[in-house]
């Protein structure tokens, strides 16, 4: 099958690579070069431990003080509040212990095999040096401060996430720059990261191109269909692109499609 992958970020790059391994012909569609936009500016975290959603139990109690604090973690323009309010209500509805457990279980199912899934693609693209499995530290001013997150950490552990308590002396030995600033930590040793998110994406896309993919630098404006099946992509210029299937991996721009 000829499959168009809309977007040359990390999601599009990995999806295309796995589709090629299954024998499909790939055309990337993106006016930008691979590894730009959000795939350029991010932390490059590869974290099996990151299975907790943003909305957590009892968060609703903190929202009013956050909104009143100009330096708080949540800021909403007054004019935007009516538009975002339904979304905020839904998020809070999904922040109960039962919902958080359901969401975290699903996320951990996706995150657990992350390095096994990246491994074959990195080897094929000769990019294994771009990924390291060096662990992740959650740091706190004290053990008491860490206890505020005890429920979430216990949920992580119940789902199979490996977490290790790190006392002050060991924490300072692991990360000397933290000395005097933090007194307790929790180590997630199975986490990792990429040294350069953009270069990782570029390497994966370059390998896909070597394996027969091509890159169409036009922008997608819509789809051509036969019944419920997508048969082509309408473009901002030139003729439509005939396809047998499409993957929309355009990040924040996906909503427009």
C-alpha atoms as a PDB file:
ATOM      1  CA  UNK A   1       0.000   0.000   0.000  1.00  0.00           C
ATOM      2  CA  UNK A   2       1.020   3.592  -0.638  1.00  0.00           C
ATOM      3  CA  UNK A   3       0.621   5.446   2.659  1.00  0.00           C
ATOM      4  CA  UNK A   4       1.059   9.179   3.190  1.00  0.00           C
ATOM      5  CA  UNK A   5       2.462  10.209   6.556  1.00  0.00           C
ATOM      6  CA  UNK A   6       1.488  13.824   7.247  1.00  0.00           C
ATOM      7  CA  UNK A   7       4.205  15.230   9.488  1.00  0.00           C
ATOM      8  CA  UNK A   8       7.934  14.627   9.799  1.00  0.00           C
ATOM      9  CA  UNK A   9       8.199  14.801  13.576  1.00  0.00           C
ATOM     10  CA  UNK A  10       9.068  11.904  15.858  1.00  0.00           C
ATOM     11  CA  UNK A  11       5.602  10.313  15.591  1.00  0.00           C
ATOM     12  CA  UNK A  12       5.570  10.459  11.811  1.00  0.00           C
ATOM     13  CA  UNK A  13       9.176   9.265  11.541  1.00  0.00           C
ATOM     14  CA  UNK A  14       8.628   6.211  13.743  1.00  0.00           C
ATOM     15  CA  UNK A  15       5.266   5.343  12.199  1.00  0.00           C
ATOM     16  CA  UNK A  16       6.745   5.490   8.711  1.00  0.00           C
ATOM     17  CA  UNK A  17       9.718   3.318   9.684  1.00  0.00           C
ATOM     18  CA  UNK A  18       7.485   0.585  11.103  1.00  0.00           C
ATOM     19  CA  UNK A  19       5.136   0.746   8.105  1.00  0.00           C
ATOM     20  CA  UNK A  20       8.121   0.287   5.793  1.00  0.00           C
ATOM     21  CA  UNK A  21       9.155  -2.784   7.777  1.00  0.00           C
ATOM     22  CA  UNK A  22       5.698  -4.160   6.961  1.00  0.00           C
ATOM     23  CA  UNK A  23       6.297  -3.559   3.254  1.00  0.00           C
ATOM     24  CA  UNK A  24       4.385  -0.330   2.612  1.00  0.00           C
ATOM     25  CA  UNK A  25       5.447   2.527   0.307  1.00  0.00           C
ATOM     26  CA  UNK A  26       5.744   5.817   2.209  1.00  0.00           C
ATOM     27  CA  UNK A  27       5.397   9.460   1.209  1.00  0.00           C
ATOM     28  CA  UNK A  28       6.085  12.040   3.904  1.00  0.00           C
ATOM     29  CA  UNK A  29       3.997  15.194   3.496  1.00  0.00           C
ATOM     30  CA  UNK A  30       5.288  18.245   5.350  1.00  0.00           C
ATOM     31  CA  UNK A  31       6.352  21.715   4.158  1.00  0.00           C
ATOM     32  CA  UNK A  32       9.041  21.719   6.872  1.00  0.00           C
ATOM     33  CA  UNK A  33      12.190  19.648   6.947  1.00  0.00           C
ATOM     34  CA  UNK A  34      12.310  16.637   9.312  1.00  0.00           C
ATOM     35  CA  UNK A  35      12.898  17.338  12.983  1.00  0.00           C
ATOM     36  CA  UNK A  36      11.696  20.942  12.989  1.00  0.00           C
ATOM     37  CA  UNK A  37       8.863  22.582  15.009  1.00  0.00           C
ATOM     38  CA  UNK A  38       8.063  20.680  18.213  1.00  0.00           C
ATOM     39  CA  UNK A  39      10.463  17.864  17.342  1.00  0.00           C
ATOM     40  CA  UNK A  40      13.274  20.413  17.539  1.00  0.00           C
ATOM     41  CA  UNK A  41      12.394  22.148  20.810  1.00  0.00           C
ATOM     42  CA  UNK A  42      11.716  19.518  23.456  1.00  0.00           C
ATOM     43  CA  UNK A  43      13.448  17.624  26.265  1.00  0.00           C
ATOM     44  CA  UNK A  44      13.773  14.379  24.307  1.00  0.00           C
ATOM     45  CA  UNK A  45      12.544  12.352  27.269  1.00  0.00           C
ATOM     46  CA  UNK A  46      11.979   8.596  26.874  1.00  0.00           C
ATOM     47  CA  UNK A  47      10.273   7.813  30.151  1.00  0.00           C
ATOM     48  CA  UNK A  48       8.419   4.608  31.040  1.00  0.00           C
ATOM     49  CA  UNK A  49       7.721   6.225  34.418  1.00  0.00           C
ATOM     50  CA  UNK A  50       5.789   9.147  32.903  1.00  0.00           C
ATOM     51  CA  UNK A  51       2.439   7.366  33.007  1.00  0.00           C
ATOM     52  CA  UNK A  52       0.524   9.784  35.242  1.00  0.00           C
ATOM     53  CA  UNK A  53      -1.875  12.239  33.572  1.00  0.00           C
ATOM     54  CA  UNK A  54      -1.719  15.972  34.223  1.00  0.00           C
ATOM     55  CA  UNK A  55      -5.043  15.944  36.042  1.00  0.00           C
ATOM     56  CA  UNK A  56      -4.588  14.311  39.456  1.00  0.00           C
ATOM     57  CA  UNK A  57      -6.940  13.777  42.429  1.00  0.00           C
ATOM     58  CA  UNK A  58      -7.625  16.896  44.501  1.00  0.00           C
ATOM     59  CA  UNK A  59      -6.064  19.158  41.867  1.00  0.00           C
ATOM     60  CA  UNK A  60      -9.328  21.110  41.709  1.00  0.00           C
ATOM     61  CA  UNK A  61      -8.598  22.455  45.186  1.00  0.00           C
ATOM     62  CA  UNK A  62      -5.471  24.178  43.888  1.00  0.00           C
ATOM     63  CA  UNK A  63      -6.891  25.681  40.691  1.00  0.00           C
ATOM     64  CA  UNK A  64      -8.322  28.899  42.243  1.00  0.00           C
ATOM     65  CA  UNK A  65      -5.025  29.854  43.914  1.00  0.00           C
ATOM     66  CA  UNK A  66      -3.105  29.015  40.717  1.00  0.00           C
ATOM     67  CA  UNK A  67      -5.344  31.309  38.678  1.00  0.00           C
ATOM     68  CA  UNK A  68      -4.873  34.162  41.150  1.00  0.00           C
ATOM     69  CA  UNK A  69      -1.083  33.773  41.203  1.00  0.00           C
ATOM     70  CA  UNK A  70       0.578  35.541  38.217  1.00  0.00           C
ATOM     71  CA  UNK A  71       3.571  33.212  38.627  1.00  0.00           C
ATOM     72  CA  UNK A  72       1.477  30.079  39.189  1.00  0.00           C
ATOM     73  CA  UNK A  73       1.520  27.005  36.910  1.00  0.00           C
ATOM     74  CA  UNK A  74      -1.895  27.806  35.382  1.00  0.00           C
ATOM     75  CA  UNK A  75      -2.798  31.064  33.670  1.00  0.00           C
ATOM     76  CA  UNK A  76      -5.933  31.659  31.599  1.00  0.00           C
ATOM     77  CA  UNK A  77      -6.842  34.928  29.898  1.00  0.00           C
ATOM     78  CA  UNK A  78     -10.275  36.081  31.077  1.00  0.00           C
ATOM     79  CA  UNK A  79     -11.480  36.373  27.475  1.00  0.00           C
ATOM     80  CA  UNK A  80     -10.459  32.765  26.803  1.00  0.00           C
ATOM     81  CA  UNK A  81     -12.087  31.281  29.922  1.00  0.00           C
ATOM     82  CA  UNK A  82     -15.573  30.674  28.398  1.00  0.00           C
ATOM     83  CA  UNK A  83     -13.996  28.728  25.551  1.00  0.00           C
ATOM     84  CA  UNK A  84     -11.684  26.594  27.682  1.00  0.00           C
ATOM     85  CA  UNK A  85     -14.055  26.073  30.630  1.00  0.00           C
ATOM     86  CA  UNK A  86     -15.815  22.971  29.193  1.00  0.00           C
ATOM     87  CA  UNK A  87     -12.400  21.368  28.623  1.00  0.00           C
ATOM     88  CA  UNK A  88     -11.296  22.187  32.175  1.00  0.00           C
ATOM     89  CA  UNK A  89     -14.488  20.666  33.580  1.00  0.00           C
ATOM     90  CA  UNK A  90     -13.914  17.461  31.600  1.00  0.00           C
ATOM     91  CA  UNK A  91     -10.311  17.300  32.786  1.00  0.00           C
ATOM     92  CA  UNK A  92     -11.378  17.622  36.407  1.00  0.00           C
ATOM     93  CA  UNK A  93     -14.013  14.917  35.874  1.00  0.00           C
ATOM     94  CA  UNK A  94     -11.222  12.619  34.709  1.00  0.00           C
ATOM     95  CA  UNK A  95      -9.015  13.488  37.703  1.00  0.00           C
ATOM     96  CA  UNK A  96     -10.675  11.147  40.202  1.00  0.00           C
ATOM     97  CA  UNK A  97      -8.578   8.283  41.656  1.00  0.00           C
ATOM     98  CA  UNK A  98     -10.514   5.767  39.547  1.00  0.00           C
ATOM     99  CA  UNK A  99     -10.035   7.701  36.314  1.00  0.00           C
ATOM    100  CA  UNK A 100      -6.375   8.465  36.988  1.00  0.00           C
ATOM    101  CA  UNK A 101      -5.744   4.755  37.628  1.00  0.00           C
ATOM    102  CA  UNK A 102      -7.480   3.848  34.362  1.00  0.00           C
ATOM    103  CA  UNK A 103      -5.531   6.439  32.373  1.00  0.00           C
ATOM    104  CA  UNK A 104      -2.182   5.577  33.989  1.00  0.00           C
ATOM    105  CA  UNK A 105      -2.714   1.872  33.281  1.00  0.00           C
ATOM    106  CA  UNK A 106      -3.315   2.612  29.599  1.00  0.00           C
ATOM    107  CA  UNK A 107      -0.323   4.967  29.379  1.00  0.00           C
ATOM    108  CA  UNK A 108       2.001   2.481  31.047  1.00  0.00           C
ATOM    109  CA  UNK A 109       0.953  -0.177  28.531  1.00  0.00           C
ATOM    110  CA  UNK A 110       2.146   2.188  25.795  1.00  0.00           C
ATOM    111  CA  UNK A 111       5.311   3.352  27.569  1.00  0.00           C
ATOM    112  CA  UNK A 112       6.631   0.067  28.973  1.00  0.00           C
ATOM    113  CA  UNK A 113       8.118  -1.254  25.677  1.00  0.00           C
ATOM    114  CA  UNK A 114       9.462   2.119  24.521  1.00  0.00           C
ATOM    115  CA  UNK A 115      13.121   1.080  24.234  1.00  0.00           C
ATOM    116  CA  UNK A 116      12.236  -2.258  22.626  1.00  0.00           C
ATOM    117  CA  UNK A 117      10.253  -0.352  20.005  1.00  0.00           C
ATOM    118  CA  UNK A 118      12.960   2.231  19.322  1.00  0.00           C
ATOM    119  CA  UNK A 119      15.774  -0.337  19.263  1.00  0.00           C
ATOM    120  CA  UNK A 120      15.315  -1.797  15.752  1.00  0.00           C
ATOM    121  CA  UNK A 121      14.721   1.644  14.235  1.00  0.00           C
ATOM    122  CA  UNK A 122      17.834   3.117  15.861  1.00  0.00           C
ATOM    123  CA  UNK A 123      19.993   0.215  14.713  1.00  0.00           C
ATOM    124  CA  UNK A 124      18.669   0.444  11.155  1.00  0.00           C
ATOM    125  CA  UNK A 125      19.373   4.201  11.061  1.00  0.00           C
ATOM    126  CA  UNK A 126      22.775   3.857  12.788  1.00  0.00           C
ATOM    127  CA  UNK A 127      21.485   6.230  15.471  1.00  0.00           C
ATOM    128  CA  UNK A 128      21.892   4.221  18.679  1.00  0.00           C
ATOM    129  CA  UNK A 129      24.410   6.789  19.980  1.00  0.00           C
ATOM    130  CA  UNK A 130      21.641   9.404  20.073  1.00  0.00           C
ATOM    131  CA  UNK A 131      19.723   7.592  22.837  1.00  0.00           C
ATOM    132  CA  UNK A 132      20.900   6.869  26.357  1.00  0.00           C
ATOM    133  CA  UNK A 133      19.203   5.061  29.219  1.00  0.00           C
ATOM    134  CA  UNK A 134      20.611   7.049  32.125  1.00  0.00           C
ATOM    135  CA  UNK A 135      17.588   7.268  34.425  1.00  0.00           C
ATOM    136  CA  UNK A 136      15.562  10.196  35.717  1.00  0.00           C
ATOM    137  CA  UNK A 137      15.541  11.888  39.120  1.00  0.00           C
ATOM    138  CA  UNK A 138      12.478  13.385  40.765  1.00  0.00           C
ATOM    139  CA  UNK A 139      13.872  15.745  43.419  1.00  0.00           C
ATOM    140  CA  UNK A 140      12.260  17.320  46.476  1.00  0.00           C
ATOM    141  CA  UNK A 141      13.183  19.789  49.188  1.00  0.00           C
ATOM    142  CA  UNK A 142      12.503  17.101  51.802  1.00  0.00           C
ATOM    143  CA  UNK A 143      11.017  13.649  52.257  1.00  0.00           C
ATOM    144  CA  UNK A 144       7.903  15.368  53.611  1.00  0.00           C
ATOM    145  CA  UNK A 145       7.564  17.295  50.354  1.00  0.00           C
ATOM    146  CA  UNK A 146       7.897  14.039  48.412  1.00  0.00           C
ATOM    147  CA  UNK A 147       5.085  12.537  50.471  1.00  0.00           C
ATOM    148  CA  UNK A 148       2.683  14.959  48.793  1.00  0.00           C
ATOM    149  CA  UNK A 149       3.187  12.855  45.651  1.00  0.00           C
ATOM    150  CA  UNK A 150       3.116   9.520  47.475  1.00  0.00           C
ATOM    151  CA  UNK A 151      -0.172   8.351  45.952  1.00  0.00           C
ATOM    152  CA  UNK A 152       1.022   8.907  42.394  1.00  0.00           C
ATOM    153  CA  UNK A 153       4.386   7.249  43.003  1.00  0.00           C
ATOM    154  CA  UNK A 154       2.646   4.247  44.580  1.00  0.00           C
ATOM    155  CA  UNK A 155       0.390   4.010  41.518  1.00  0.00           C
ATOM    156  CA  UNK A 156       3.448   4.034  39.260  1.00  0.00           C
ATOM    157  CA  UNK A 157       5.021   1.207  41.261  1.00  0.00           C
ATOM    158  CA  UNK A 158       1.805  -0.827  41.208  1.00  0.00           C
ATOM    159  CA  UNK A 159       1.979  -0.661  37.400  1.00  0.00           C
ATOM    160  CA  UNK A 160       5.528  -2.015  37.340  1.00  0.00           C
ATOM    161  CA  UNK A 161       7.559   1.206  37.240  1.00  0.00           C
ATOM    162  CA  UNK A 162      10.925   0.755  38.956  1.00  0.00           C
ATOM    163  CA  UNK A 163      11.448   3.554  41.516  1.00  0.00           C
ATOM    164  CA  UNK A 164      14.276   3.877  44.064  1.00  0.00           C
ATOM    165  CA  UNK A 165      14.364   6.274  47.034  1.00  0.00           C
ATOM    166  CA  UNK A 166      17.517   8.411  47.114  1.00  0.00           C
ATOM    167  CA  UNK A 167      18.564   9.981  50.415  1.00  0.00           C
ATOM    168  CA  UNK A 168      20.415  13.293  50.679  1.00  0.00           C
ATOM    169  CA  UNK A 169      24.029  12.021  50.618  1.00  0.00           C
ATOM    170  CA  UNK A 170      23.416   9.700  47.680  1.00  0.00           C
ATOM    171  CA  UNK A 171      21.492  12.423  45.861  1.00  0.00           C
ATOM    172  CA  UNK A 172      24.430  14.823  46.164  1.00  0.00           C
ATOM    173  CA  UNK A 173      26.777  12.091  44.936  1.00  0.00           C
ATOM    174  CA  UNK A 174      24.589  11.426  41.893  1.00  0.00           C
ATOM    175  CA  UNK A 175      24.091  15.116  41.050  1.00  0.00           C
ATOM    176  CA  UNK A 176      26.592  17.407  42.849  1.00  0.00           C
ATOM    177  CA  UNK A 177      24.911  20.526  41.436  1.00  0.00           C
ATOM    178  CA  UNK A 178      21.849  19.747  43.564  1.00  0.00           C
ATOM    179  CA  UNK A 179      23.798  19.977  46.825  1.00  0.00           C
ATOM    180  CA  UNK A 180      22.039  22.176  49.359  1.00  0.00           C
ATOM    181  CA  UNK A 181      18.986  22.676  47.167  1.00  0.00           C
ATOM    182  CA  UNK A 182      17.263  19.296  47.431  1.00  0.00           C
ATOM    183  CA  UNK A 183      17.366  16.723  50.214  1.00  0.00           C
ATOM    184  CA  UNK A 184      15.433  13.777  48.816  1.00  0.00           C
ATOM    185  CA  UNK A 185      14.925  12.158  45.461  1.00  0.00           C
ATOM    186  CA  UNK A 186      13.242   9.281  43.679  1.00  0.00           C
ATOM    187  CA  UNK A 187      15.219   7.626  40.883  1.00  0.00           C
ATOM    188  CA  UNK A 188      13.523   6.042  37.877  1.00  0.00           C
ATOM    189  CA  UNK A 189      16.527   4.065  36.558  1.00  0.00           C
ATOM    190  CA  UNK A 190      14.772   2.706  33.460  1.00  0.00           C
ATOM    191  CA  UNK A 191      14.121   6.135  31.951  1.00  0.00           C
ATOM    192  CA  UNK A 192      16.253   7.677  29.246  1.00  0.00           C
ATOM    193  CA  UNK A 193      16.467  10.457  26.707  1.00  0.00           C
ATOM    194  CA  UNK A 194      17.806  11.388  23.314  1.00  0.00           C
ATOM    195  CA  UNK A 195      20.855  13.639  23.183  1.00  0.00           C
ATOM    196  CA  UNK A 196      19.362  15.612  20.282  1.00  0.00           C
ATOM    197  CA  UNK A 197      15.635  15.243  19.470  1.00  0.00           C
ATOM    198  CA  UNK A 198      15.952  16.936  16.095  1.00  0.00           C
ATOM    199  CA  UNK A 199      18.919  14.842  14.964  1.00  0.00           C
ATOM    200  CA  UNK A 200      17.116  11.663  16.015  1.00  0.00           C
ATOM    201  CA  UNK A 201      14.135  12.521  13.823  1.00  0.00           C
ATOM    202  CA  UNK A 202      16.391  13.513  10.930  1.00  0.00           C
ATOM    203  CA  UNK A 203      18.258  10.198  11.195  1.00  0.00           C
ATOM    204  CA  UNK A 204      15.051   8.141  11.177  1.00  0.00           C
ATOM    205  CA  UNK A 205      13.545  10.028   8.228  1.00  0.00           C
ATOM    206  CA  UNK A 206      16.822   9.874   6.290  1.00  0.00           C
ATOM    207  CA  UNK A 207      16.853   6.098   6.721  1.00  0.00           C
ATOM    208  CA  UNK A 208      13.257   5.878   5.523  1.00  0.00           C
ATOM    209  CA  UNK A 209      14.237   7.866   2.427  1.00  0.00           C
ATOM    210  CA  UNK A 210      17.155   5.502   1.826  1.00  0.00           C
ATOM    211  CA  UNK A 211      14.645   2.676   2.131  1.00  0.00           C
ATOM    212  CA  UNK A 212      12.474   4.186  -0.603  1.00  0.00           C
ATOM    213  CA  UNK A 213      10.316   6.875   1.020  1.00  0.00           C
ATOM    214  CA  UNK A 214       9.986  10.313  -0.537  1.00  0.00           C
ATOM    215  CA  UNK A 215       9.192  13.749   0.927  1.00  0.00           C
ATOM    216  CA  UNK A 216       6.449  15.925  -0.569  1.00  0.00           C
ATOM    217  CA  UNK A 217       6.986  19.483   0.708  1.00  0.00           C
ATOM    218  CA  UNK A 218       3.450  20.709   0.038  1.00  0.00           C
ATOM    219  CA  UNK A 219       0.766  21.310   2.677  1.00  0.00           C
ATOM    220  CA  UNK A 220      -2.335  19.139   3.017  1.00  0.00           C
ATOM    221  CA  UNK A 221      -5.635  21.042   2.842  1.00  0.00           C
ATOM    222  CA  UNK A 222      -8.097  18.132   2.873  1.00  0.00           C
ATOM    223  CA  UNK A 223      -8.894  14.602   1.756  1.00  0.00           C
ATOM    224  CA  UNK A 224     -10.438  12.896  -1.242  1.00  0.00           C
ATOM    225  CA  UNK A 225     -12.669   9.961  -0.335  1.00  0.00           C
ATOM    226  CA  UNK A 226     -14.557   7.032  -1.764  1.00  0.00           C
ATOM    227  CA  UNK A 227     -17.133   6.236   0.881  1.00  0.00           C
ATOM    228  CA  UNK A 228     -15.252   6.082   4.186  1.00  0.00           C
ATOM    229  CA  UNK A 229     -11.889   5.398   2.522  1.00  0.00           C
ATOM    230  CA  UNK A 230      -9.286   8.112   1.903  1.00  0.00           C
ATOM    231  CA  UNK A 231      -8.018   7.900  -1.672  1.00  0.00           C
ATOM    232  CA  UNK A 232      -6.045  11.111  -1.936  1.00  0.00           C
ATOM    233  CA  UNK A 233      -4.752  14.244  -0.261  1.00  0.00           C
ATOM    234  CA  UNK A 234      -5.754  17.678  -1.525  1.00  0.00           C
ATOM    235  CA  UNK A 235      -2.747  19.970  -1.486  1.00  0.00           C
ATOM    236  CA  UNK A 236      -2.162  23.709  -1.289  1.00  0.00           C
ATOM    237  CA  UNK A 237      -0.725  23.610  -4.802  1.00  0.00           C
ATOM    238  CA  UNK A 238      -0.625  21.216  -7.721  1.00  0.00           C
ATOM    239  CA  UNK A 239      -2.463  17.946  -8.187  1.00  0.00           C
ATOM    240  CA  UNK A 240      -3.829  15.813  -5.330  1.00  0.00           C
ATOM    241  CA  UNK A 241      -1.628  13.003  -4.019  1.00  0.00           C
ATOM    242  CA  UNK A 242      -3.199   9.587  -4.631  1.00  0.00           C
ATOM    243  CA  UNK A 243      -2.832   7.258  -1.627  1.00  0.00           C
ATOM    244  CA  UNK A 244      -4.211   4.025  -0.232  1.00  0.00           C
ATOM    245  CA  UNK A 245      -4.060   5.283   3.344  1.00  0.00           C
ATOM    246  CA  UNK A 246      -2.976   8.223   5.458  1.00  0.00           C
ATOM    247  CA  UNK A 247      -1.407   8.777   8.870  1.00  0.00           C
ATOM    248  CA  UNK A 248      -2.033  12.228  10.364  1.00  0.00           C
ATOM    249  CA  UNK A 249       0.946  12.986  12.626  1.00  0.00           C
ATOM    250  CA  UNK A 250       1.074  16.763  12.328  1.00  0.00           C
ATOM    251  CA  UNK A 251       1.057  17.599  16.016  1.00  0.00           C
ATOM    252  CA  UNK A 252      -0.870  20.772  16.834  1.00  0.00           C
ATOM    253  CA  UNK A 253      -1.787  21.139  13.151  1.00  0.00           C
ATOM    254  CA  UNK A 254      -3.560  17.756  13.088  1.00  0.00           C
ATOM    255  CA  UNK A 255      -6.781  19.353  14.353  1.00  0.00           C
ATOM    256  CA  UNK A 256      -7.126  21.301  11.118  1.00  0.00           C
ATOM    257  CA  UNK A 257      -7.376  18.006   9.233  1.00  0.00           C
END
